[in-house]
Amino acid sequence: MSAGSQEEAPGGGPTVLRILLGSQLRKLRESRGITREAAGYEIRASGSKISRMELGRVSFKERDVADLLSMYGVIDSAERDALIGLARQANNPGWWQHFGDVLPNWFQAYLGLEAAASLIRTYEIQFVPGLLQTPDYARAVIMLGHAGASAEEINRRVGLRLQRQQILTRSGGPQLWAVIDEAVLRRPIGGVDVMRAQIESLIEASKLPGVRLQIIPFQAGGHAAAGGPFAILRFPEPELPDVVYVEQLTSAIYLDKREDVDHYAMAMERVCIDAEPPNDTPEILGKLLNEVGRPA
C-alpha cells in the first residue's frame, strides 16, 4: 500500500508482510531505474502485476521474489534470505482471520503491523488505547460504534480486542509507548465503575517493563498532535520502514514515506515532551482514580 493511500487491504494472509515486502521491492526497483513493465517481463508477468505486488494486494511466489532480487542487483545472501523469508511468511494466515465476520478488511492490515512491530508509539485523545482496555471498557467503547449489533457480535469484537492484547505479554512482543490526553481518563465511558477499573488497570500496566505510559494534562494547553490520534510502528527488520497508521471512520491511512513518517515522529516527540514523565504516571492515575465518581 503506497503512502497516503486508502486502498482496501487484501482479505487473506498477514497483509502487513505483503505491504512491507512490496514496499521494499518498489524501492529496490526504483533505485535501479527499472520500469514495472521490465520487472514484470522478468517474472513472466505484466507491469500491472508488479504494481499489485508493490501495493501488497497479491500473494508472492518465492521464485518471483528471488528473480526480482537478482534483477535489482541484490546479491547479499542475508538480505535475500530475509526478503524471501518474508514472502514465505506472507502466505500464512494471521490469527485474526478467525474474526473475519466482525473485522473490516482495512483493519486487518493494522493487526498485521501490530503483530510484527517491535515498538508501537500511539497517541490517543478520545479512548484508552485498545491494547490497554479492560474488557468492560472495551465493551462500552464498541457499543458506542455498534449500538445495533447483537450480543454475540459485541462479544466477538471484545474477544478480538482482548486477543490483540496478548502481544504485550508474549516473549519477544513489542514495546508499547502510549501518550494519552487527560480528557480520555475523565470521559465516563461505561460509567463510574468501569472507569475506575480501567484506571486501576492502567496503573498496573504502567509498571510493566514493556509499557511506557504518559499523560498530557489539561494545563499543557494545545499541542503538536491536536489533529487527532495516530500510531507509529517500528519493526525489528532494519530494512523495513516505520509505518504511520491514522484511523478514520470507515477506512485507514498507512504512511511509509520518509517525510510523512518524520512529520508524525516530530509530533510524537512533541507530545511526549508536553506530557508528564512516565515515572509520574502511577501517581497521576492514582489521583484521577480518587476523583472519579466524586460530585463536581
C-alpha atoms as a PDB file:
ATOM      1  CA  MET A   1       0.000   0.000   0.000  1.00  0.00           C
ATOM      2  CA  SER A   2       1.623   3.205  -1.101  1.00  0.00           C
ATOM      3  CA  ALA A   3       1.995   6.108   1.258  1.00  0.00           C
ATOM      4  CA  GLY A   4      -1.168   8.104   1.693  1.00  0.00           C
ATOM      5  CA  SER A   5      -3.401   5.512   0.040  1.00  0.00           C
ATOM      6  CA  GLN A   6      -6.658   4.241   1.459  1.00  0.00           C
ATOM      7  CA  GLU A   7      -6.768   1.027  -0.526  1.00  0.00           C
ATOM      8  CA  GLU A   8      -8.730  -1.869   0.924  1.00  0.00           C
ATOM      9  CA  ALA A   9      -6.408  -4.458   2.333  1.00  0.00           C
ATOM     10  CA  PRO A  10      -6.497  -7.970   0.845  1.00  0.00           C
ATOM     11  CA  GLY A  11      -8.573 -10.394   2.853  1.00  0.00           C
ATOM     12  CA  GLY A  12      -6.181 -13.311   3.242  1.00  0.00           C
ATOM     13  CA  GLY A  13      -2.871 -13.696   4.987  1.00  0.00           C
ATOM     14  CA  PRO A  14      -0.936 -11.256   7.168  1.00  0.00           C
ATOM     15  CA  THR A  15      -1.409  -8.217   4.978  1.00  0.00           C
ATOM     16  CA  VAL A  16       1.325  -6.233   6.645  1.00  0.00           C
ATOM     17  CA  LEU A  17       4.028  -8.564   5.402  1.00  0.00           C
ATOM     18  CA  ARG A  18       2.851  -8.174   1.824  1.00  0.00           C
ATOM     19  CA  ILE A  19       2.693  -4.407   2.215  1.00  0.00           C
ATOM     20  CA  LEU A  20       6.169  -4.189   3.688  1.00  0.00           C
ATOM     21  CA  LEU A  21       7.716  -6.608   1.218  1.00  0.00           C
ATOM     22  CA  GLY A  22       6.051  -4.811  -1.672  1.00  0.00           C
ATOM     23  CA  SER A  23       7.396  -1.502  -0.396  1.00  0.00           C
ATOM     24  CA  GLN A  24      10.917  -2.890  -0.272  1.00  0.00           C
ATOM     25  CA  LEU A  25      10.660  -4.328  -3.784  1.00  0.00           C
ATOM     26  CA  ARG A  26       9.377  -1.000  -5.079  1.00  0.00           C
ATOM     27  CA  LYS A  27      12.301   0.888  -3.544  1.00  0.00           C
ATOM     28  CA  LEU A  28      14.807  -1.608  -4.939  1.00  0.00           C
ATOM     29  CA  ARG A  29      13.294  -1.386  -8.410  1.00  0.00           C
ATOM     30  CA  GLU A  30      13.190   2.412  -8.402  1.00  0.00           C
ATOM     31  CA  SER A  31      16.771   2.647  -7.138  1.00  0.00           C
ATOM     32  CA  ARG A  32      17.886   0.709 -10.232  1.00  0.00           C
ATOM     33  CA  GLY A  33      15.740   2.765 -12.615  1.00  0.00           C
ATOM     34  CA  ILE A  34      13.824  -0.317 -13.774  1.00  0.00           C
ATOM     35  CA  THR A  35      10.275   0.080 -15.073  1.00  0.00           C
ATOM     36  CA  ARG A  36       7.362  -2.005 -13.856  1.00  0.00           C
ATOM     37  CA  GLU A  37       6.993  -3.413 -17.332  1.00  0.00           C
ATOM     38  CA  ALA A  38      10.597  -4.605 -17.434  1.00  0.00           C
ATOM     39  CA  ALA A  39      10.277  -6.144 -13.971  1.00  0.00           C
ATOM     40  CA  GLY A  40       7.058  -7.847 -14.996  1.00  0.00           C
ATOM     41  CA  TYR A  41       8.727  -9.346 -18.073  1.00  0.00           C
ATOM     42  CA  GLU A  42      11.460 -10.766 -15.824  1.00  0.00           C
ATOM     43  CA  ILE A  43       8.909 -12.859 -13.894  1.00  0.00           C
ATOM     44  CA  ARG A  44       6.719 -13.671 -16.893  1.00  0.00           C
ATOM     45  CA  ALA A  45       4.029 -11.188 -15.851  1.00  0.00           C
ATOM     46  CA  SER A  46       2.795  -7.680 -16.626  1.00  0.00           C
ATOM     47  CA  GLY A  47       3.650  -4.276 -15.260  1.00  0.00           C
ATOM     48  CA  SER A  48       0.249  -4.171 -13.557  1.00  0.00           C
ATOM     49  CA  LYS A  49       1.127  -7.399 -11.720  1.00  0.00           C
ATOM     50  CA  ILE A  50       4.280  -5.691 -10.389  1.00  0.00           C
ATOM     51  CA  SER A  51       2.143  -2.736  -9.306  1.00  0.00           C
ATOM     52  CA  ARG A  52      -0.217  -5.032  -7.389  1.00  0.00           C
ATOM     53  CA  MET A  53       2.751  -6.792  -5.765  1.00  0.00           C
ATOM     54  CA  GLU A  54       4.296  -3.495  -4.694  1.00  0.00           C
ATOM     55  CA  LEU A  55       0.982  -2.385  -3.183  1.00  0.00           C
ATOM     56  CA  GLY A  56       0.707  -5.639  -1.235  1.00  0.00           C
ATOM     57  CA  ARG A  57      -2.538  -6.657  -2.934  1.00  0.00           C
ATOM     58  CA  VAL A  58      -1.458 -10.097  -4.103  1.00  0.00           C
ATOM     59  CA  SER A  59       0.467 -13.013  -2.659  1.00  0.00           C
ATOM     60  CA  PHE A  60       4.144 -13.530  -3.532  1.00  0.00           C
ATOM     61  CA  LYS A  61       5.762 -16.549  -5.135  1.00  0.00           C
ATOM     62  CA  GLU A  62       9.206 -17.112  -3.675  1.00  0.00           C
ATOM     63  CA  ARG A  63      10.603 -17.767  -7.171  1.00  0.00           C
ATOM     64  CA  ASP A  64       9.283 -14.398  -8.392  1.00  0.00           C
ATOM     65  CA  VAL A  65      10.812 -12.573  -5.427  1.00  0.00           C
ATOM     66  CA  ALA A  66      14.145 -14.323  -5.970  1.00  0.00           C
ATOM     67  CA  ASP A  67      14.130 -13.403  -9.684  1.00  0.00           C
ATOM     68  CA  LEU A  68      13.276  -9.783  -8.942  1.00  0.00           C
ATOM     69  CA  LEU A  69      16.016  -9.524  -6.321  1.00  0.00           C
ATOM     70  CA  SER A  70      18.545 -10.809  -8.857  1.00  0.00           C
ATOM     71  CA  MET A  71      17.305  -8.287 -11.403  1.00  0.00           C
ATOM     72  CA  TYR A  72      17.569  -5.496  -8.821  1.00  0.00           C
ATOM     73  CA  GLY A  73      21.163  -6.412  -8.000  1.00  0.00           C
ATOM     74  CA  VAL A  74      20.548  -7.799  -4.505  1.00  0.00           C
ATOM     75  CA  ILE A  75      23.308 -10.405  -4.139  1.00  0.00           C
ATOM     76  CA  ASP A  76      23.911 -10.359  -0.388  1.00  0.00           C
ATOM     77  CA  SER A  77      22.683 -13.737   0.853  1.00  0.00           C
ATOM     78  CA  ALA A  78      21.443 -12.434   4.220  1.00  0.00           C
ATOM     79  CA  GLU A  79      19.352  -9.712   2.596  1.00  0.00           C
ATOM     80  CA  ARG A  80      17.976 -12.123   0.001  1.00  0.00           C
ATOM     81  CA  ASP A  81      17.107 -14.723   2.635  1.00  0.00           C
ATOM     82  CA  ALA A  82      15.340 -12.121   4.784  1.00  0.00           C
ATOM     83  CA  LEU A  83      13.147 -10.876   1.938  1.00  0.00           C
ATOM     84  CA  ILE A  84      12.396 -14.328   0.539  1.00  0.00           C
ATOM     85  CA  GLY A  85      11.557 -15.480   4.067  1.00  0.00           C
ATOM     86  CA  LEU A  86       9.191 -12.521   4.344  1.00  0.00           C
ATOM     87  CA  ALA A  87       7.462 -13.697   1.164  1.00  0.00           C
ATOM     88  CA  ARG A  88       7.072 -17.171   2.680  1.00  0.00           C
ATOM     89  CA  GLN A  89       5.563 -15.767   5.878  1.00  0.00           C
ATOM     90  CA  ALA A  90       3.219 -13.507   3.900  1.00  0.00           C
ATOM     91  CA  ASN A  91       1.327 -16.539   2.668  1.00  0.00           C
ATOM     92  CA  ASN A  92       0.488 -17.768   6.184  1.00  0.00           C
ATOM     93  CA  PRO A  93      -2.937 -16.772   7.559  1.00  0.00           C
ATOM     94  CA  GLY A  94      -2.983 -14.453  10.560  1.00  0.00           C
ATOM     95  CA  TRP A  95      -4.832 -15.342  13.776  1.00  0.00           C
ATOM     96  CA  TRP A  96      -7.289 -12.528  13.120  1.00  0.00           C
ATOM     97  CA  GLN A  97      -8.723 -14.369  10.109  1.00  0.00           C
ATOM     98  CA  HIS A  98     -10.966 -16.198  12.579  1.00  0.00           C
ATOM     99  CA  PHE A  99     -12.653 -12.857  13.289  1.00  0.00           C
ATOM    100  CA  GLY A 100     -13.313 -12.053   9.645  1.00  0.00           C
ATOM    101  CA  ASP A 101     -17.048 -11.721  10.281  1.00  0.00           C
ATOM    102  CA  VAL A 102     -16.524  -8.679  12.528  1.00  0.00           C
ATOM    103  CA  LEU A 103     -13.247  -7.371  11.149  1.00  0.00           C
ATOM    104  CA  PRO A 104     -13.168  -4.784   8.336  1.00  0.00           C
ATOM    105  CA  ASN A 105     -10.564  -5.509   5.678  1.00  0.00           C
ATOM    106  CA  TRP A 106      -8.778  -2.203   6.168  1.00  0.00           C
ATOM    107  CA  PHE A 107      -8.155  -3.014   9.844  1.00  0.00           C
ATOM    108  CA  GLN A 108      -6.606  -6.394   9.076  1.00  0.00           C
ATOM    109  CA  ALA A 109      -3.535  -4.582   7.781  1.00  0.00           C
ATOM    110  CA  TYR A 110      -3.116  -2.831  11.120  1.00  0.00           C
ATOM    111  CA  LEU A 111      -3.389  -6.073  13.090  1.00  0.00           C
ATOM    112  CA  GLY A 112      -0.580  -7.443  10.958  1.00  0.00           C
ATOM    113  CA  LEU A 113       1.515  -4.344  11.594  1.00  0.00           C
ATOM    114  CA  GLU A 114       0.817  -4.558  15.303  1.00  0.00           C
ATOM    115  CA  ALA A 115       1.765  -8.228  15.481  1.00  0.00           C
ATOM    116  CA  ALA A 116       5.012  -7.688  13.565  1.00  0.00           C
ATOM    117  CA  ALA A 117       6.161  -4.496  15.331  1.00  0.00           C
ATOM    118  CA  SER A 118       8.977  -4.190  17.838  1.00  0.00           C
ATOM    119  CA  LEU A 119       7.833  -0.736  19.014  1.00  0.00           C
ATOM    120  CA  ILE A 120       4.357   0.802  18.934  1.00  0.00           C
ATOM    121  CA  ARG A 121       4.063   4.502  19.715  1.00  0.00           C
ATOM    122  CA  THR A 122       0.496   5.725  19.968  1.00  0.00           C
ATOM    123  CA  TYR A 123      -1.232   8.988  20.814  1.00  0.00           C
ATOM    124  CA  GLU A 124      -4.882   8.983  21.924  1.00  0.00           C
ATOM    125  CA  ILE A 125      -7.293  11.836  22.597  1.00  0.00           C
ATOM    126  CA  GLN A 126     -10.661  10.073  22.956  1.00  0.00           C
ATOM    127  CA  PHE A 127     -10.278   6.495  24.194  1.00  0.00           C
ATOM    128  CA  VAL A 128      -7.795   4.392  26.118  1.00  0.00           C
ATOM    129  CA  PRO A 129      -5.590   2.592  23.536  1.00  0.00           C
ATOM    130  CA  GLY A 130      -7.104  -0.735  22.512  1.00  0.00           C
ATOM    131  CA  LEU A 131      -4.082  -2.658  23.780  1.00  0.00           C
ATOM    132  CA  LEU A 132      -4.712  -1.316  27.297  1.00  0.00           C
ATOM    133  CA  GLN A 133      -8.500  -1.520  27.546  1.00  0.00           C
ATOM    134  CA  THR A 134     -10.241  -3.658  30.156  1.00  0.00           C
ATOM    135  CA  PRO A 135     -12.993  -5.998  28.889  1.00  0.00           C
ATOM    136  CA  ASP A 136     -15.793  -3.811  30.286  1.00  0.00           C
ATOM    137  CA  TYR A 137     -14.267  -0.602  28.920  1.00  0.00           C
ATOM    138  CA  ALA A 138     -13.728  -2.263  25.519  1.00  0.00           C
ATOM    139  CA  ARG A 139     -17.353  -3.407  25.512  1.00  0.00           C
ATOM    140  CA  ALA A 140     -18.579   0.121  26.285  1.00  0.00           C
ATOM    141  CA  VAL A 141     -16.441   1.638  23.508  1.00  0.00           C
ATOM    142  CA  ILE A 142     -17.518  -0.998  20.981  1.00  0.00           C
ATOM    143  CA  MET A 143     -21.191  -0.499  21.806  1.00  0.00           C
ATOM    144  CA  LEU A 144     -20.830   3.224  21.061  1.00  0.00           C
ATOM    145  CA  GLY A 145     -19.951   2.405  17.464  1.00  0.00           C
ATOM    146  CA  HIS A 146     -22.167  -0.679  17.060  1.00  0.00           C
ATOM    147  CA  ALA A 147     -25.302   0.155  19.015  1.00  0.00           C
ATOM    148  CA  GLY A 148     -27.495  -2.077  16.848  1.00  0.00           C
ATOM    149  CA  ALA A 149     -25.226  -5.126  16.939  1.00  0.00           C
ATOM    150  CA  SER A 150     -26.281  -8.391  18.555  1.00  0.00           C
ATOM    151  CA  ALA A 151     -24.832  -9.513  21.878  1.00  0.00           C
ATOM    152  CA  GLU A 152     -22.934 -12.242  20.047  1.00  0.00           C
ATOM    153  CA  GLU A 153     -21.311  -9.735  17.680  1.00  0.00           C
ATOM    154  CA  ILE A 154     -20.337  -7.457  20.569  1.00  0.00           C
ATOM    155  CA  ASN A 155     -18.785 -10.423  22.360  1.00  0.00           C
ATOM    156  CA  ARG A 156     -16.818 -11.317  19.230  1.00  0.00           C
ATOM    157  CA  ARG A 157     -15.498  -7.783  18.918  1.00  0.00           C
ATOM    158  CA  VAL A 158     -14.495  -7.701  22.579  1.00  0.00           C
ATOM    159  CA  GLY A 159     -12.800 -11.079  22.170  1.00  0.00           C
ATOM    160  CA  LEU A 160     -10.821  -9.770  19.200  1.00  0.00           C
ATOM    161  CA  ARG A 161      -9.612  -6.759  21.181  1.00  0.00           C
ATOM    162  CA  LEU A 162      -8.564  -8.910  24.145  1.00  0.00           C
ATOM    163  CA  GLN A 163      -6.705 -11.335  21.903  1.00  0.00           C
ATOM    164  CA  ARG A 164      -4.766  -8.413  20.415  1.00  0.00           C
ATOM    165  CA  GLN A 165      -3.531  -7.561  23.898  1.00  0.00           C
ATOM    166  CA  GLN A 166      -1.656 -10.846  24.193  1.00  0.00           C
ATOM    167  CA  ILE A 167       1.243  -9.359  22.214  1.00  0.00           C
ATOM    168  CA  LEU A 168       2.175  -7.273  25.266  1.00  0.00           C
ATOM    169  CA  THR A 169       2.894 -10.335  27.388  1.00  0.00           C
ATOM    170  CA  ARG A 170       4.288 -12.737  24.813  1.00  0.00           C
ATOM    171  CA  SER A 171       8.004 -13.431  24.579  1.00  0.00           C
ATOM    172  CA  GLY A 172       9.590 -11.033  22.111  1.00  0.00           C
ATOM    173  CA  GLY A 173       6.457  -8.913  21.895  1.00  0.00           C
ATOM    174  CA  PRO A 174       6.547  -5.203  21.029  1.00  0.00           C
ATOM    175  CA  GLN A 175       7.249  -2.331  23.386  1.00  0.00           C
ATOM    176  CA  LEU A 176       4.257  -0.013  23.782  1.00  0.00           C
ATOM    177  CA  TRP A 177       4.734   3.717  24.305  1.00  0.00           C
ATOM    178  CA  ALA A 178       1.340   5.361  24.739  1.00  0.00           C
ATOM    179  CA  VAL A 179       0.594   9.048  25.276  1.00  0.00           C
ATOM    180  CA  ILE A 180      -2.941   9.736  26.476  1.00  0.00           C
ATOM    181  CA  ASP A 181      -4.710  13.059  26.789  1.00  0.00           C
ATOM    182  CA  GLU A 182      -6.160  13.669  30.261  1.00  0.00           C
ATOM    183  CA  ALA A 183      -9.609  14.044  28.681  1.00  0.00           C
ATOM    184  CA  VAL A 184      -9.548  10.317  27.873  1.00  0.00           C
ATOM    185  CA  LEU A 185      -9.407   9.479  31.558  1.00  0.00           C
ATOM    186  CA  ARG A 186     -12.123  11.933  32.559  1.00  0.00           C
ATOM    187  CA  ARG A 187     -14.623  10.817  29.921  1.00  0.00           C
ATOM    188  CA  PRO A 188     -17.057   8.470  31.739  1.00  0.00           C
ATOM    189  CA  ILE A 189     -17.070   5.598  29.245  1.00  0.00           C
ATOM    190  CA  GLY A 190     -19.271   2.812  30.625  1.00  0.00           C
ATOM    191  CA  GLY A 191     -19.934   4.594  33.916  1.00  0.00           C
ATOM    192  CA  VAL A 192     -18.031   5.187  37.142  1.00  0.00           C
ATOM    193  CA  ASP A 193     -17.269   1.558  37.999  1.00  0.00           C
ATOM    194  CA  VAL A 194     -15.939   0.805  34.513  1.00  0.00           C
ATOM    195  CA  MET A 195     -13.720   3.889  34.542  1.00  0.00           C
ATOM    196  CA  ARG A 196     -12.363   3.151  37.996  1.00  0.00           C
ATOM    197  CA  ALA A 197     -11.437  -0.384  36.936  1.00  0.00           C
ATOM    198  CA  GLN A 198      -9.873   0.957  33.741  1.00  0.00           C
ATOM    199  CA  ILE A 199      -7.721   3.475  35.584  1.00  0.00           C
ATOM    200  CA  GLU A 200      -6.649   0.787  38.060  1.00  0.00           C
ATOM    201  CA  SER A 201      -5.684  -1.405  35.108  1.00  0.00           C
ATOM    202  CA  LEU A 202      -3.653   1.429  33.592  1.00  0.00           C
ATOM    203  CA  ILE A 203      -1.781   1.861  36.871  1.00  0.00           C
ATOM    204  CA  GLU A 204      -0.754  -1.796  36.725  1.00  0.00           C
ATOM    205  CA  ALA A 205       0.068  -1.596  33.007  1.00  0.00           C
ATOM    206  CA  SER A 206       2.300   1.446  33.575  1.00  0.00           C
ATOM    207  CA  LYS A 207       4.509  -0.712  35.795  1.00  0.00           C
ATOM    208  CA  LEU A 208       5.112  -3.345  33.108  1.00  0.00           C
ATOM    209  CA  PRO A 209       8.651  -3.338  31.659  1.00  0.00           C
ATOM    210  CA  GLY A 210       7.316  -3.320  28.099  1.00  0.00           C
ATOM    211  CA  VAL A 211       4.893  -0.417  28.575  1.00  0.00           C
ATOM    212  CA  ARG A 212       5.650   3.295  28.815  1.00  0.00           C
ATOM    213  CA  LEU A 213       2.590   5.414  29.548  1.00  0.00           C
ATOM    214  CA  GLN A 214       2.393   9.206  29.680  1.00  0.00           C
ATOM    215  CA  ILE A 215      -0.495  11.559  30.417  1.00  0.00           C
ATOM    216  CA  ILE A 216      -0.884  15.006  28.836  1.00  0.00           C
ATOM    217  CA  PRO A 217      -2.521  17.224  31.486  1.00  0.00           C
ATOM    218  CA  PHE A 218      -5.113  19.852  30.644  1.00  0.00           C
ATOM    219  CA  GLN A 219      -2.704  22.595  31.677  1.00  0.00           C
ATOM    220  CA  ALA A 220      -0.417  21.661  28.791  1.00  0.00           C
ATOM    221  CA  GLY A 221      -2.841  23.532  26.526  1.00  0.00           C
ATOM    222  CA  GLY A 222      -2.668  22.914  22.785  1.00  0.00           C
ATOM    223  CA  HIS A 223      -0.023  20.607  21.420  1.00  0.00           C
ATOM    224  CA  ALA A 224       1.592  19.415  18.222  1.00  0.00           C
ATOM    225  CA  ALA A 225      -0.683  16.405  17.585  1.00  0.00           C
ATOM    226  CA  ALA A 226      -4.002  18.138  18.244  1.00  0.00           C
ATOM    227  CA  GLY A 227      -5.281  16.992  14.845  1.00  0.00           C
ATOM    228  CA  GLY A 228      -6.144  13.506  16.043  1.00  0.00           C
ATOM    229  CA  PRO A 229      -4.884  10.130  17.234  1.00  0.00           C
ATOM    230  CA  PHE A 230      -2.272   8.110  15.365  1.00  0.00           C
ATOM    231  CA  ALA A 231       0.224   5.308  15.828  1.00  0.00           C
ATOM    232  CA  ILE A 232       3.802   4.839  14.608  1.00  0.00           C
ATOM    233  CA  LEU A 233       5.050   1.287  14.278  1.00  0.00           C
ATOM    234  CA  ARG A 234       8.676   0.183  14.065  1.00  0.00           C
ATOM    235  CA  PHE A 235       9.813  -3.297  13.051  1.00  0.00           C
ATOM    236  CA  PRO A 236      12.786  -5.444  14.073  1.00  0.00           C
ATOM    237  CA  GLU A 237      13.989  -5.843  10.495  1.00  0.00           C
ATOM    238  CA  PRO A 238      16.248  -2.830   9.793  1.00  0.00           C
ATOM    239  CA  GLU A 239      15.307  -2.781   6.105  1.00  0.00           C
ATOM    240  CA  LEU A 240      11.613  -2.234   6.872  1.00  0.00           C
ATOM    241  CA  PRO A 241      10.463   1.390   7.208  1.00  0.00           C
ATOM    242  CA  ASP A 242       8.407   2.780  10.078  1.00  0.00           C
ATOM    243  CA  VAL A 243       4.696   2.971   9.277  1.00  0.00           C
ATOM    244  CA  VAL A 244       2.231   5.596  10.484  1.00  0.00           C
ATOM    245  CA  TYR A 245      -1.358   4.467  10.993  1.00  0.00           C
ATOM    246  CA  VAL A 246      -4.185   7.016  11.017  1.00  0.00           C
ATOM    247  CA  GLU A 247      -7.635   5.520  11.512  1.00  0.00           C
ATOM    248  CA  GLN A 248     -10.731   7.115  10.048  1.00  0.00           C
ATOM    249  CA  LEU A 249     -14.415   6.284  10.485  1.00  0.00           C
ATOM    250  CA  THR A 250     -14.646   3.730   7.681  1.00  0.00           C
ATOM    251  CA  SER A 251     -11.058   3.364   6.474  1.00  0.00           C
ATOM    252  CA  ALA A 252      -7.455   3.991   7.446  1.00  0.00           C
ATOM    253  CA  ILE A 253      -4.363   5.662   6.024  1.00  0.00           C
ATOM    254  CA  TYR A 254      -0.960   3.971   6.089  1.00  0.00           C
ATOM    255  CA  LEU A 255       2.069   6.216   5.557  1.00  0.00           C
ATOM    256  CA  ASP A 256       5.599   4.969   4.937  1.00  0.00           C
ATOM    257  CA  LYS A 257       7.227   7.820   3.002  1.00  0.00           C
ATOM    258  CA  ARG A 258      10.151   9.211   4.964  1.00  0.00           C
ATOM    259  CA  GLU A 259       8.888  12.790   5.013  1.00  0.00           C
ATOM    260  CA  ASP A 260       5.441  11.722   6.256  1.00  0.00           C
ATOM    261  CA  VAL A 261       6.854   9.452   8.949  1.00  0.00           C
ATOM    262  CA  ASP A 262       9.283  12.183  10.060  1.00  0.00           C
ATOM    263  CA  HIS A 263       6.408  14.663  10.386  1.00  0.00           C
ATOM    264  CA  TYR A 264       4.462  12.338  12.683  1.00  0.00           C
ATOM    265  CA  ALA A 265       7.603  11.347  14.583  1.00  0.00           C
ATOM    266  CA  MET A 266       8.263  15.001  15.394  1.00  0.00           C
ATOM    267  CA  ALA A 267       4.652  15.425  16.531  1.00  0.00           C
ATOM    268  CA  MET A 268       5.016  12.354  18.752  1.00  0.00           C
ATOM    269  CA  GLU A 269       8.234  13.700  20.264  1.00  0.00           C
ATOM    270  CA  ARG A 270       6.479  16.984  20.967  1.00  0.00           C
ATOM    271  CA  VAL A 271       3.560  15.389  22.812  1.00  0.00           C
ATOM    272  CA  CYS A 272       5.992  13.248  24.807  1.00  0.00           C
ATOM    273  CA  ILE A 273       7.664  16.478  25.944  1.00  0.00           C
ATOM    274  CA  ASP A 274       4.310  18.113  26.724  1.00  0.00           C
ATOM    275  CA  ALA A 275       3.202  15.052  28.701  1.00  0.00           C
ATOM    276  CA  GLU A 276       4.172  14.317  32.274  1.00  0.00           C
ATOM    277  CA  PRO A 277       7.195  11.978  32.674  1.00  0.00           C
ATOM    278  CA  PRO A 278       6.421   8.225  32.611  1.00  0.00           C
ATOM    279  CA  ASN A 279       7.639   7.818  36.201  1.00  0.00           C
ATOM    280  CA  ASP A 280       4.875  10.174  37.356  1.00  0.00           C
ATOM    281  CA  THR A 281       2.101   8.231  35.620  1.00  0.00           C
ATOM    282  CA  PRO A 282       1.122   5.914  38.524  1.00  0.00           C
ATOM    283  CA  GLU A 283       0.769   8.902  40.870  1.00  0.00           C
ATOM    284  CA  ILE A 284      -1.258  10.896  38.321  1.00  0.00           C
ATOM    285  CA  LEU A 285      -3.561   7.943  37.692  1.00  0.00           C
ATOM    286  CA  GLY A 286      -3.924   7.417  41.444  1.00  0.00           C
ATOM    287  CA  LYS A 287      -5.140  10.981  41.889  1.00  0.00           C
ATOM    288  CA  LEU A 288      -7.556  10.614  38.984  1.00  0.00           C
ATOM    289  CA  LEU A 289      -8.853   7.382  40.492  1.00  0.00           C
ATOM    290  CA  ASN A 290      -9.678   9.219  43.712  1.00  0.00           C
ATOM    291  CA  GLU A 291     -11.580  11.874  41.739  1.00  0.00           C
ATOM    292  CA  VAL A 292     -13.683   9.506  39.618  1.00  0.00           C
ATOM    293  CA  GLY A 293     -17.259   9.407  40.848  1.00  0.00           C
ATOM    294  CA  ARG A 294     -16.931  12.434  43.096  1.00  0.00           C
ATOM    295  CA  PRO A 295     -19.560  15.189  42.694  1.00  0.00           C
ATOM    296  CA  ALA A 296     -18.359  18.084  40.527  1.00  0.00           C
END
